[in-house]
Every structure is written in C-alpha cells, then in structure tokens.
C-alpha atoms as a PDB file:
ATOM      1  CA  MET A   1      21.940  15.327 -42.968  1.00  0.00           C
ATOM      2  CA  THR A   2      20.264  15.831 -39.581  1.00  0.00           C
ATOM      3  CA  THR A   3      18.086  12.916 -38.483  1.00  0.00           C
ATOM      4  CA  MET A   4      14.889  13.131 -36.478  1.00  0.00           C
ATOM      5  CA  ALA A   5      16.639  11.412 -33.528  1.00  0.00           C
ATOM      6  CA  GLN A   6      19.369  14.068 -33.592  1.00  0.00           C
ATOM      7  CA  GLU A   7      16.802  16.851 -33.637  1.00  0.00           C
ATOM      8  CA  THR A   8      14.791  15.500 -30.696  1.00  0.00           C
ATOM      9  CA  ALA A   9      17.659  14.247 -28.515  1.00  0.00           C
ATOM     10  CA  VAL A  10      18.213  16.213 -25.301  1.00  0.00           C
ATOM     11  CA  PRO A  11      21.748  17.669 -25.196  1.00  0.00           C
ATOM     12  CA  PRO A  12      23.817  16.443 -22.218  1.00  0.00           C
ATOM     13  CA  ILE A  13      24.166  19.989 -20.898  1.00  0.00           C
ATOM     14  CA  ALA A  14      20.385  20.520 -20.957  1.00  0.00           C
ATOM     15  CA  SER A  15      19.826  17.179 -19.224  1.00  0.00           C
ATOM     16  CA  ALA A  16      22.321  18.067 -16.497  1.00  0.00           C
ATOM     17  CA  SER A  17      20.684  21.455 -16.072  1.00  0.00           C
ATOM     18  CA  LEU A  18      17.240  19.853 -15.681  1.00  0.00           C
ATOM     19  CA  SER A  19      18.625  17.455 -13.081  1.00  0.00           C
ATOM     20  CA  ALA A  20      20.106  20.373 -11.125  1.00  0.00           C
ATOM     21  CA  ILE A  21      16.801  22.235 -11.219  1.00  0.00           C
ATOM     22  CA  ARG A  22      14.957  19.216  -9.866  1.00  0.00           C
ATOM     23  CA  ARG A  23      17.513  18.764  -7.075  1.00  0.00           C
ATOM     24  CA  HIS A  24      17.108  22.391  -5.999  1.00  0.00           C
ATOM     25  CA  GLU A  25      13.323  22.111  -6.131  1.00  0.00           C
ATOM     26  CA  LEU A  26      13.526  18.943  -4.027  1.00  0.00           C
ATOM     27  CA  ALA A  27      15.801  20.678  -1.502  1.00  0.00           C
ATOM     28  CA  ALA A  28      13.456  23.653  -1.213  1.00  0.00           C
ATOM     29  CA  PHE A  29      10.420  21.387  -0.846  1.00  0.00           C
ATOM     30  CA  LEU A  30      12.037  19.353   1.946  1.00  0.00           C
ATOM     31  CA  ARG A  31      13.137  22.490   3.806  1.00  0.00           C
ATOM     32  CA  HIS A  32       9.695  24.055   3.541  1.00  0.00           C
ATOM     33  CA  ARG A  33       7.908  20.947   4.809  1.00  0.00           C
ATOM     34  CA  ARG A  34      10.408  20.495   7.660  1.00  0.00           C
ATOM     35  CA  GLU A  35      10.155  24.113   8.787  1.00  0.00           C
ATOM     36  CA  HIS A  36       6.353  23.984   8.791  1.00  0.00           C
ATOM     37  CA  LEU A  37       6.070  20.742  10.761  1.00  0.00           C
ATOM     38  CA  THR A  38       5.799  21.303  14.512  1.00  0.00           C
ATOM     39  CA  PRO A  39       7.407  18.917  17.008  1.00  0.00           C
ATOM     40  CA  GLU A  40       4.022  18.248  18.597  1.00  0.00           C
ATOM     41  CA  ARG A  41       2.625  16.789  15.368  1.00  0.00           C
ATOM     42  CA  VAL A  42       5.274  14.083  15.278  1.00  0.00           C
ATOM     43  CA  GLY A  43       5.313  13.397  19.021  1.00  0.00           C
ATOM     44  CA  LEU A  44       8.528  15.270  19.891  1.00  0.00           C
ATOM     45  CA  PRO A  45       8.937  17.706  22.824  1.00  0.00           C
ATOM     46  CA  ARG A  46       9.336  21.349  21.842  1.00  0.00           C
ATOM     47  CA  GLY A  47      11.889  22.235  24.541  1.00  0.00           C
ATOM     48  CA  ARG A  48      12.844  25.708  25.717  1.00  0.00           C
ATOM     49  CA  ARG A  49      15.848  26.388  23.489  1.00  0.00           C
ATOM     50  CA  ARG A  50      14.293  25.618  20.116  1.00  0.00           C
ATOM     51  CA  ARG A  51      15.103  28.360  17.599  1.00  0.00           C
ATOM     52  CA  THR A  52      14.015  26.726  14.353  1.00  0.00           C
ATOM     53  CA  PRO A  53      10.388  27.387  13.325  1.00  0.00           C
ATOM     54  CA  GLY A  54       9.707  23.684  12.783  1.00  0.00           C
ATOM     55  CA  LEU A  55      11.770  20.532  13.050  1.00  0.00           C
ATOM     56  CA  ARG A  56      15.548  20.311  12.972  1.00  0.00           C
ATOM     57  CA  ARG A  57      17.349  18.344  10.271  1.00  0.00           C
ATOM     58  CA  GLU A  58      18.545  15.942  12.967  1.00  0.00           C
ATOM     59  CA  GLU A  59      14.950  15.226  13.967  1.00  0.00           C
ATOM     60  CA  ILE A  60      13.819  14.465  10.410  1.00  0.00           C
ATOM     61  CA  ALA A  61      16.846  12.199   9.985  1.00  0.00           C
ATOM     62  CA  GLN A  62      15.934  10.404  13.211  1.00  0.00           C
ATOM     63  CA  LEU A  63      12.255  10.032  12.288  1.00  0.00           C
ATOM     64  CA  SER A  64      13.079   8.654   8.835  1.00  0.00           C
ATOM     65  CA  ALA A  65      16.067   6.536   9.992  1.00  0.00           C
ATOM     66  CA  VAL A  66      18.565   8.137   7.597  1.00  0.00           C
ATOM     67  CA  GLY A  67      21.923   9.729   8.335  1.00  0.00           C
ATOM     68  CA  VAL A  68      21.985  13.408   9.308  1.00  0.00           C
ATOM     69  CA  THR A  69      24.792  14.161   6.855  1.00  0.00           C
ATOM     70  CA  TRP A  70      22.983  12.383   4.060  1.00  0.00           C
ATOM     71  CA  TYR A  71      19.719  14.279   4.741  1.00  0.00           C
ATOM     72  CA  THR A  72      21.647  17.568   4.932  1.00  0.00           C
ATOM     73  CA  TRP A  73      23.073  16.862   1.485  1.00  0.00           C
ATOM     74  CA  LEU A  74      19.524  16.458   0.184  1.00  0.00           C
ATOM     75  CA  GLU A  75      18.559  19.894   1.511  1.00  0.00           C
ATOM     76  CA  GLN A  76      21.743  21.286  -0.030  1.00  0.00           C
ATOM     77  CA  ALA A  77      20.767  19.908  -3.454  1.00  0.00           C
ATOM     78  CA  ARG A  78      23.828  17.680  -3.639  1.00  0.00           C
ATOM     79  CA  ASP A  79      23.986  15.300  -6.605  1.00  0.00           C
ATOM     80  CA  ILE A  80      23.253  12.022  -4.757  1.00  0.00           C
ATOM     81  CA  GLN A  81      21.068   9.021  -5.531  1.00  0.00           C
ATOM     82  CA  VAL A  82      17.875   8.644  -3.494  1.00  0.00           C
ATOM     83  CA  SER A  83      16.269   5.223  -3.114  1.00  0.00           C
ATOM     84  CA  VAL A  84      12.502   4.750  -3.084  1.00  0.00           C
ATOM     85  CA  GLN A  85      12.817   3.305   0.432  1.00  0.00           C
ATOM     86  CA  VAL A  86      14.351   6.554   1.698  1.00  0.00           C
ATOM     87  CA  LEU A  87      11.767   8.658  -0.129  1.00  0.00           C
ATOM     88  CA  ASP A  88       9.003   6.563   1.427  1.00  0.00           C
ATOM     89  CA  ALA A  89      10.528   7.072   4.894  1.00  0.00           C
ATOM     90  CA  LEU A  90      10.850  10.836   4.351  1.00  0.00           C
ATOM     91  CA  ALA A  91       7.253  11.086   3.137  1.00  0.00           C
ATOM     92  CA  ARG A  92       6.065   9.363   6.303  1.00  0.00           C
ATOM     93  CA  ALA A  93       8.316  11.419   8.589  1.00  0.00           C
ATOM     94  CA  LEU A  94       7.145  14.685   7.014  1.00  0.00           C
ATOM     95  CA  LEU A  95       3.471  13.604   7.180  1.00  0.00           C
ATOM     96  CA  LEU A  96       2.982  14.253   3.458  1.00  0.00           C
ATOM     97  CA  ASP A  97      -0.458  13.805   1.982  1.00  0.00           C
ATOM     98  CA  GLN A  98      -0.923  11.912  -1.298  1.00  0.00           C
ATOM     99  CA  SER A  99      -0.389  14.969  -3.521  1.00  0.00           C
ATOM    100  CA  GLU A 100       2.725  16.037  -1.622  1.00  0.00           C
ATOM    101  CA  ARG A 101       4.052  12.494  -1.667  1.00  0.00           C
ATOM    102  CA  SER A 102       3.598  12.281  -5.441  1.00  0.00           C
ATOM    103  CA  HIS A 103       5.387  15.631  -5.803  1.00  0.00           C
ATOM    104  CA  LEU A 104       8.309  14.360  -3.700  1.00  0.00           C
ATOM    105  CA  PHE A 105       8.775  11.263  -5.845  1.00  0.00           C
ATOM    106  CA  GLN A 106       8.434  13.263  -9.058  1.00  0.00           C
ATOM    107  CA  LEU A 107      11.120  15.745  -7.997  1.00  0.00           C
ATOM    108  CA  ALA A 108      13.407  12.844  -7.081  1.00  0.00           C
ATOM    109  CA  GLY A 109      12.813  11.211 -10.475  1.00  0.00           C
ATOM    110  CA  ALA A 110      11.432   8.056  -8.858  1.00  0.00           C
ATOM    111  CA  VAL A 111       8.238   6.012  -9.104  1.00  0.00           C
ATOM    112  CA  ASP A 112       6.163   5.735  -5.938  1.00  0.00           C
ATOM    113  CA  PRO A 113       5.823   1.997  -5.240  1.00  0.00           C
ATOM    114  CA  THR A 114       2.952   2.241  -2.772  1.00  0.00           C
ATOM    115  CA  PRO A 115      -0.661   1.795  -3.919  1.00  0.00           C
ATOM    116  CA  ALA A 116      -2.340   5.069  -4.775  1.00  0.00           C
ATOM    117  CA  HIS A 117      -5.625   6.129  -3.208  1.00  0.00           C
ATOM    118  CA  ALA A 118      -7.187   6.063  -6.647  1.00  0.00           C
ATOM    119  CA  CYS A 119      -6.455   3.407  -9.249  1.00  0.00           C
ATOM    120  CA  PRO A 120      -7.247   3.851 -12.964  1.00  0.00           C
ATOM    121  CA  SER A 121      -8.356   0.194 -13.089  1.00  0.00           C
ATOM    122  CA  ILE A 122     -11.232   1.008 -10.722  1.00  0.00           C
ATOM    123  CA  THR A 123     -13.830   2.484 -13.045  1.00  0.00           C
ATOM    124  CA  PRO A 124     -17.375   3.480 -12.022  1.00  0.00           C
ATOM    125  CA  ALA A 125     -18.565   0.302 -13.741  1.00  0.00           C
ATOM    126  CA  ILE A 126     -16.266  -1.841 -11.580  1.00  0.00           C
ATOM    127  CA  ARG A 127     -17.529  -0.136  -8.431  1.00  0.00           C
ATOM    128  CA  GLN A 128     -21.106  -0.749  -9.562  1.00  0.00           C
ATOM    129  CA  VAL A 129     -20.368  -4.462 -10.045  1.00  0.00           C
ATOM    130  CA  LEU A 130     -18.858  -4.645  -6.544  1.00  0.00           C
ATOM    131  CA  GLU A 131     -21.998  -3.056  -5.110  1.00  0.00           C
ATOM    132  CA  GLN A 132     -24.345  -5.277  -7.109  1.00  0.00           C
ATOM    133  CA  LEU A 133     -22.599  -8.391  -5.801  1.00  0.00           C
ATOM    134  CA  GLU A 134     -23.715  -7.607  -2.233  1.00  0.00           C
ATOM    135  CA  PRO A 135     -24.108  -9.446   0.078  1.00  0.00           C
ATOM    136  CA  VAL A 136     -21.324 -11.492  -1.513  1.00  0.00           C
ATOM    137  CA  PRO A 137     -18.043 -10.029  -0.217  1.00  0.00           C
ATOM    138  CA  ALA A 138     -15.923  -8.827  -3.132  1.00  0.00           C
ATOM    139  CA  CYS A 139     -12.884  -6.663  -3.762  1.00  0.00           C
ATOM    140  CA  VAL A 140     -10.418  -5.784  -6.519  1.00  0.00           C
ATOM    141  CA  GLN A 141      -6.769  -6.674  -5.938  1.00  0.00           C
ATOM    142  CA  ASN A 142      -3.678  -6.310  -8.068  1.00  0.00           C
ATOM    143  CA  SER A 143      -1.096  -9.049  -8.483  1.00  0.00           C
ATOM    144  CA  ARG A 144       0.773  -7.720  -5.418  1.00  0.00           C
ATOM    145  CA  TYR A 145      -2.298  -8.243  -3.185  1.00  0.00           C
ATOM    146  CA  ASP A 146      -2.999  -4.511  -2.776  1.00  0.00           C
ATOM    147  CA  ILE A 147      -6.730  -4.037  -2.144  1.00  0.00           C
ATOM    148  CA  LEU A 148      -7.765  -1.374  -4.674  1.00  0.00           C
ATOM    149  CA  ALA A 149     -11.528  -1.336  -4.025  1.00  0.00           C
ATOM    150  CA  TYR A 150     -14.089  -3.347  -2.047  1.00  0.00           C
ATOM    151  CA  ASN A 151     -17.784  -3.502  -1.250  1.00  0.00           C
ATOM    152  CA  ARG A 152     -19.326  -2.956   2.182  1.00  0.00           C
ATOM    153  CA  THR A 153     -19.643  -6.623   3.099  1.00  0.00           C
ATOM    154  CA  TYR A 154     -16.001  -7.320   2.291  1.00  0.00           C
ATOM    155  CA  GLY A 155     -15.029  -4.272   4.332  1.00  0.00           C
ATOM    156  CA  LEU A 156     -16.472  -5.843   7.500  1.00  0.00           C
ATOM    157  CA  LEU A 157     -15.648  -9.486   6.796  1.00  0.00           C
ATOM    158  CA  LEU A 158     -12.220  -9.436   8.451  1.00  0.00           C
ATOM    159  CA  GLY A 159     -12.166  -6.526  10.873  1.00  0.00           C
ATOM    160  CA  ASP A 160     -13.016  -3.039   9.593  1.00  0.00           C
ATOM    161  CA  LEU A 161     -11.098  -2.262   6.415  1.00  0.00           C
ATOM    162  CA  ASP A 162     -12.220   1.382   6.418  1.00  0.00           C
ATOM    163  CA  THR A 163     -10.089   1.985   9.529  1.00  0.00           C
ATOM    164  CA  VAL A 164      -6.942   0.550   7.901  1.00  0.00           C
ATOM    165  CA  PRO A 165      -4.635   3.171   6.317  1.00  0.00           C
ATOM    166  CA  PRO A 166      -4.609   2.871   2.494  1.00  0.00           C
ATOM    167  CA  GLU A 167      -0.912   2.000   2.439  1.00  0.00           C
ATOM    168  CA  ASP A 168      -1.635  -1.011   4.708  1.00  0.00           C
ATOM    169  CA  ARG A 169      -4.548  -2.374   2.651  1.00  0.00           C
ATOM    170  CA  ASN A 170      -2.584  -5.298   1.342  1.00  0.00           C
ATOM    171  CA  CYS A 171      -3.703  -8.877   1.991  1.00  0.00           C
ATOM    172  CA  MET A 172      -0.174 -10.060   2.754  1.00  0.00           C
ATOM    173  CA  ILE A 173       0.435  -7.257   5.260  1.00  0.00           C
ATOM    174  CA  LEU A 174      -2.967  -7.784   6.872  1.00  0.00           C
ATOM    175  CA  CYS A 175      -2.706 -11.573   6.998  1.00  0.00           C
ATOM    176  CA  TYR A 176       0.679 -11.468   8.706  1.00  0.00           C
ATOM    177  CA  THR A 177       0.554  -8.322  10.881  1.00  0.00           C
ATOM    178  CA  ASN A 178      -3.051  -7.198  11.505  1.00  0.00           C
ATOM    179  CA  ASP A 179      -4.603  -8.742  14.631  1.00  0.00           C
ATOM    180  CA  ASP A 180      -8.203  -8.370  13.406  1.00  0.00           C
ATOM    181  CA  TRP A 181      -7.502 -10.164  10.133  1.00  0.00           C
ATOM    182  CA  ARG A 182      -5.421 -12.852  11.780  1.00  0.00           C
ATOM    183  CA  SER A 183      -8.106 -13.654  14.347  1.00  0.00           C
ATOM    184  CA  SER A 184     -10.790 -13.802  11.618  1.00  0.00           C
ATOM    185  CA  ILE A 185      -9.057 -16.468   9.498  1.00  0.00           C
ATOM    186  CA  ILE A 186      -9.871 -19.886  10.935  1.00  0.00           C
ATOM    187  CA  HIS A 187      -7.058 -21.807   9.248  1.00  0.00           C
ATOM    188  CA  LEU A 188      -4.492 -19.022   9.555  1.00  0.00           C
ATOM    189  CA  PRO A 189      -1.187 -20.957   9.186  1.00  0.00           C
ATOM    190  CA  GLU A 190      -2.409 -22.697   6.032  1.00  0.00           C
ATOM    191  CA  ALA A 191      -3.722 -19.427   4.582  1.00  0.00           C
ATOM    192  CA  GLN A 192      -0.406 -17.701   5.285  1.00  0.00           C
ATOM    193  CA  ARG A 193       1.569 -20.531   3.692  1.00  0.00           C
ATOM    194  CA  LEU A 194      -0.543 -20.538   0.523  1.00  0.00           C
ATOM    195  CA  MET A 195      -0.455 -16.748   0.165  1.00  0.00           C
ATOM    196  CA  ALA A 196       3.333 -16.638   0.529  1.00  0.00           C
ATOM    197  CA  ALA A 197       3.715 -19.434  -2.041  1.00  0.00           C
ATOM    198  CA  ARG A 198       1.460 -17.638  -4.544  1.00  0.00           C
ATOM    199  CA  PHE A 199       3.225 -14.353  -3.860  1.00  0.00           C
ATOM    200  CA  ARG A 200       6.598 -15.977  -4.609  1.00  0.00           C
ATOM    201  CA  ALA A 201       5.278 -17.434  -7.870  1.00  0.00           C
ATOM    202  CA  THR A 202       3.913 -14.065  -9.007  1.00  0.00           C
ATOM    203  CA  MET A 203       6.937 -12.075  -7.858  1.00  0.00           C
ATOM    204  CA  ALA A 204       9.183 -13.969 -10.281  1.00  0.00           C
ATOM    205  CA  GLY A 205       8.035 -11.552 -12.988  1.00  0.00           C
ATOM    206  CA  HIS A 206       8.570  -8.441 -10.827  1.00  0.00           C
ATOM    207  CA  LEU A 207      11.916  -9.053  -9.109  1.00  0.00           C
ATOM    208  CA  ALA A 208      13.424  -5.705 -10.109  1.00  0.00           C
ATOM    209  CA  GLU A 209      10.392  -3.549  -9.272  1.00  0.00           C
ATOM    210  CA  PRO A 210      10.781  -1.322  -6.170  1.00  0.00           C
ATOM    211  CA  GLY A 211       7.207  -1.809  -4.982  1.00  0.00           C
ATOM    212  CA  TRP A 212       7.568  -5.578  -4.820  1.00  0.00           C
ATOM    213  CA  LYS A 213      10.967  -5.371  -3.135  1.00  0.00           C
ATOM    214  CA  MET A 214       9.650  -2.910  -0.535  1.00  0.00           C
ATOM    215  CA  LEU A 215       6.669  -5.131   0.248  1.00  0.00           C
ATOM    216  CA  LEU A 216       8.912  -8.171   0.655  1.00  0.00           C
ATOM    217  CA  LYS A 217      11.318  -6.237   2.878  1.00  0.00           C
ATOM    218  CA  ARG A 218       8.478  -4.974   5.050  1.00  0.00           C
ATOM    219  CA  LEU A 219       7.017  -8.462   5.483  1.00  0.00           C
ATOM    220  CA  ARG A 220      10.394  -9.949   6.382  1.00  0.00           C
ATOM    221  CA  THR A 221      11.031  -7.116   8.848  1.00  0.00           C
ATOM    222  CA  GLU A 222       7.653  -7.102  10.591  1.00  0.00           C
ATOM    223  CA  SER A 223       6.696 -10.788  10.640  1.00  0.00           C
ATOM    224  CA  PRO A 224       8.845 -13.675  11.911  1.00  0.00           C
ATOM    225  CA  GLU A 225       6.078 -15.996  10.664  1.00  0.00           C
ATOM    226  CA  PHE A 226       6.482 -14.670   7.151  1.00  0.00           C
ATOM    227  CA  ARG A 227      10.261 -15.092   7.252  1.00  0.00           C
ATOM    228  CA  GLU A 228       9.859 -18.717   8.282  1.00  0.00           C
ATOM    229  CA  VAL A 229       7.295 -19.457   5.564  1.00  0.00           C
ATOM    230  CA  TRP A 230       9.143 -17.480   2.872  1.00  0.00           C
ATOM    231  CA  ASP A 231      12.369 -19.370   3.444  1.00  0.00           C
ATOM    232  CA  ARG A 232      10.620 -22.634   2.467  1.00  0.00           C
ATOM    233  CA  HIS A 233      10.670 -21.466  -1.185  1.00  0.00           C
ATOM    234  CA  GLU A 234       7.241 -22.958  -1.907  1.00  0.00           C
ATOM    235  CA  VAL A 235       5.552 -21.985  -5.167  1.00  0.00           C
ATOM    236  CA  ILE A 236       1.822 -22.355  -5.882  1.00  0.00           C
ATOM    237  CA  GLU A 237      -0.252 -20.827  -8.673  1.00  0.00           C
ATOM    238  CA  HIS A 238      -3.520 -18.983  -8.063  1.00  0.00           C
ATOM    239  CA  ARG A 239      -6.573 -21.141  -7.614  1.00  0.00           C
ATOM    240  CA  GLY A 240      -9.938 -20.801  -5.923  1.00  0.00           C
ATOM    241  CA  ARG A 241     -10.653 -22.722  -2.745  1.00  0.00           C
ATOM    242  CA  ARG A 242     -12.976 -22.997   0.264  1.00  0.00           C
ATOM    243  CA  LYS A 243     -12.271 -20.499   3.045  1.00  0.00           C
ATOM    244  CA  GLU A 244     -13.622 -20.165   6.565  1.00  0.00           C
ATOM    245  CA  PHE A 245     -13.808 -16.991   8.623  1.00  0.00           C
ATOM    246  CA  MET A 246     -14.919 -16.153  12.153  1.00  0.00           C
ATOM    247  CA  ASN A 247     -16.596 -12.775  11.813  1.00  0.00           C
ATOM    248  CA  ARG A 248     -16.977 -10.611  14.902  1.00  0.00           C
ATOM    249  CA  TYR A 249     -20.583  -9.693  14.035  1.00  0.00           C
ATOM    250  CA  VAL A 250     -22.192 -12.831  12.583  1.00  0.00           C
ATOM    251  CA  GLY A 251     -19.906 -15.705  13.542  1.00  0.00           C
ATOM    252  CA  HIS A 252     -18.653 -18.560  11.358  1.00  0.00           C
ATOM    253  CA  VAL A 253     -18.830 -18.029   7.588  1.00  0.00           C
ATOM    254  CA  SER A 254     -17.789 -20.541   4.917  1.00  0.00           C
ATOM    255  CA  VAL A 255     -17.181 -19.200   1.396  1.00  0.00           C
ATOM    256  CA  ASP A 256     -15.831 -20.251  -1.986  1.00  0.00           C
ATOM    257  CA  HIS A 257     -13.038 -18.005  -3.277  1.00  0.00           C
ATOM    258  CA  THR A 258     -13.104 -17.128  -6.991  1.00  0.00           C
ATOM    259  CA  ASP A 259     -10.762 -14.830  -8.948  1.00  0.00           C
ATOM    260  CA  LEU A 260     -12.272 -12.941 -11.896  1.00  0.00           C
ATOM    261  CA  TRP A 261      -9.478 -11.394 -13.966  1.00  0.00           C
ATOM    262  CA  LEU A 262     -10.220  -7.904 -15.304  1.00  0.00           C
ATOM    263  CA  GLY A 263      -7.947  -8.165 -18.325  1.00  0.00           C
ATOM    264  CA  PRO A 264      -6.138 -10.620 -20.590  1.00  0.00           C
ATOM    265  CA  GLU A 265      -3.036 -10.559 -18.372  1.00  0.00           C
ATOM    266  CA  ALA A 266      -2.602 -11.522 -14.719  1.00  0.00           C
ATOM    267  CA  GLY A 267      -3.026  -7.997 -13.353  1.00  0.00           C
ATOM    268  CA  PRO A 268      -6.002  -6.645 -11.375  1.00  0.00           C
ATOM    269  CA  ARG A 269      -8.639  -9.217 -10.495  1.00  0.00           C
ATOM    270  CA  MET A 270     -11.974  -9.205  -8.759  1.00  0.00           C
ATOM    271  CA  VAL A 271     -11.986 -11.526  -5.740  1.00  0.00           C
ATOM    272  CA  THR A 272     -15.391 -12.895  -4.717  1.00  0.00           C
ATOM    273  CA  TYR A 273     -16.402 -14.943  -1.671  1.00  0.00           C
ATOM    274  CA  ALA A 274     -19.637 -16.748  -2.555  1.00  0.00           C
ATOM    275  CA  PRO A 275     -21.370 -18.396   0.443  1.00  0.00           C
ATOM    276  CA  ALA A 276     -20.691 -22.138   0.561  1.00  0.00           C
ATOM    277  CA  ASP A 277     -23.942 -23.017   2.380  1.00  0.00           C
ATOM    278  CA  GLU A 278     -27.298 -21.527   3.314  1.00  0.00           C
ATOM    279  CA  GLU A 279     -26.265 -20.588   6.861  1.00  0.00           C
ATOM    280  CA  SER A 280     -23.276 -18.682   5.523  1.00  0.00           C
ATOM    281  CA  ARG A 281     -25.550 -16.929   3.036  1.00  0.00           C
ATOM    282  CA  ARG A 282     -27.883 -15.796   5.817  1.00  0.00           C
ATOM    283  CA  ARG A 283     -24.956 -14.592   7.903  1.00  0.00           C
ATOM    284  CA  LEU A 284     -23.488 -12.639   4.994  1.00  0.00           C
ATOM    285  CA  GLU A 285     -26.885 -11.015   4.470  1.00  0.00           C
ATOM    286  CA  ARG A 286     -26.869  -9.947   8.124  1.00  0.00           C
ATOM    287  CA  LEU A 287     -23.322  -8.654   7.758  1.00  0.00           C
ATOM    288  CA  HIS A 288     -24.366  -6.633   4.716  1.00  0.00           C
ATOM    289  CA  ALA A 289     -27.257  -5.149   6.701  1.00  0.00           C
ATOM    290  CA  ILE A 290     -24.853  -4.182   9.494  1.00  0.00           C
ATOM    291  CA  ALA A 291     -22.518  -2.557   6.965  1.00  0.00           C
ATOM    292  CA  LEU A 292     -25.403  -0.561   5.461  1.00  0.00           C
ATOM    293  CA  GLU A 293     -26.512   0.604   8.896  1.00  0.00           C
ATOM    294  CA  ARG A 294     -22.983   1.746   9.721  1.00  0.00           C
ATOM    295  CA  THR A 295     -22.866   3.684   6.447  1.00  0.00           C
ATOM    296  CA  ARG A 296     -26.173   5.435   7.230  1.00  0.00           C
ATOM    297  CA  ALA A 297     -25.011   6.293  10.752  1.00  0.00           C
ATOM    298  CA  ALA A 298     -21.759   7.738   9.425  1.00  0.00           C
ATOM    299  CA  ARG A 299     -23.649   9.982   6.979  1.00  0.00           C
ATOM    300  CA  ALA A 300     -26.180  11.181   9.588  1.00  0.00           C
END
C-alpha cells in the first residue's frame, strides 16, 4: 500500500535536479549583475584596457572579500555551500536593491538575516499608535534591537534616523558605532554595558540563527568597546529605567523608558520614552514641532 508520505515525498533525483537549476539561475544572476555594474559606481578606475562590459570577477571578489576561485565557482554553478555572510557581502558589492537581494538569497536557498524594509509586525494600526504618541518618542524594535518603525520625534532624538541606512538601524550598532547616537547618550558607557548584557541574555535563545551571529560578529569587528564589554559575560533582563539624552536641537532631555510587548512572546515591542519632568516634556514638544517642520519642507 502506498502511503500519503510516499506519494508526496520528493524523489532524490528531482531534488538534485531542482538544486542544479537553482545553482545555474544563481550563476546567471551574478554574471548579469556583475556585467551591468560599471567600475565608476563602486569607486574603481575604468582603465584603458578594460574589455569586459562591467566589472571583472576579480573585482567583485575583492569588493566582497571572497576568494577569486571561490567566486568563479559560483558563476560556474559549482555545487558549493554559500554562507549568509558571503551572500550579504556579495549583495553589498553588487549594489543590489531589496528585491534583488531577496532574489539572491532565495536562489542560494538561504534566509536573509538582515532586517527587511517592511516588517509584517508593523501594521497600519501600529503606525497610527506611534503617531498618536507624539511628542513622546516611540519606536518598534524586535528582540535583536532592529528598529522596525518609529515616529518623528524618536527619529530626531538621537541624530537623524532617516539618514541612517535601513540595515544599520539597530540600537546596538548605533550605540557602539554611530557618532551622533553616541554623543547624544549622556551616560554612554553604562548604556552600552546594559544593552550588551540584555543582548547576551536574549541571544541565548537564538544562538544558531544567522542574523544574530552576523550582528554579533559585526559588533565585535567594528567596536573595541563592544568586545571589551561582551567579554565580561554580564547578563541582565529587560527592564525600564530613566534615561538622559543631549539632543542637538533642544538640549537635555530626561525620559522614562518603557517596553510594551506586541505579543504574548518576547518578540517585537514598542519602546516609549515618556518625559520624566515638565522641562523635558516642553523640549520634546519643541522637538516634535521641528520634526513636523522638516517633514513639511521635505514634501514641498
């Protein structure tokens, strides 16, 4: 008797054939993007003896910090394993937009670990709540500290979040590597220590996930301060606390941090910064007015 599992199982030959098709599609996609990317767009000199219509394989390998032979194998559709770190580097080197990046990861059979430009957790109702909270700064973060959405006041509280690339809108990255954010946090060393300790506590449930490992690797690579704090192995659970910022537009602001979880599990949460005193409230109102004026000027 033939069981349902036997009827629906994919034969090994068919699975191998599908894998080969994906490898050839990936190879063709990489070649096409490379050949249509000019040296000028990536800051390389064209030179007089260039014969290829776009970039050479050696140049893509150099830009993405992978071996030339290894990249050549990819364009030859060789049966090799591709890590998410390499795919991320190739996507950046080839200047892929979000749709092209998603296509690259799909062809490679991998999950893109970086935060997407649009998150299904951010519904129109959530955005309306963020707006209604003005002038209280508020944003939505996931458990990895990616900033998924924010209101205008939050966007100007620590620098200008609109000018930060989406892939860098992560509180850990900003707190340890972004000069505007670092200069806006009055008690920076303490804030960094607490964030790293909370990040370690949360990461215990995500140790095998590529996105978490990539974020940790990036922080350790780009920030000596993070490496020093991380190696202390401190662990602290999430809790609200008083925070102080020095805003470039309105000066000193004191706020009370509150996390509002959007579901029964510790996933996305709404972070709010309620003013801790009347002067901070007035300054946040002025900051909100500045943010609104900037929005009107941008639309004009």
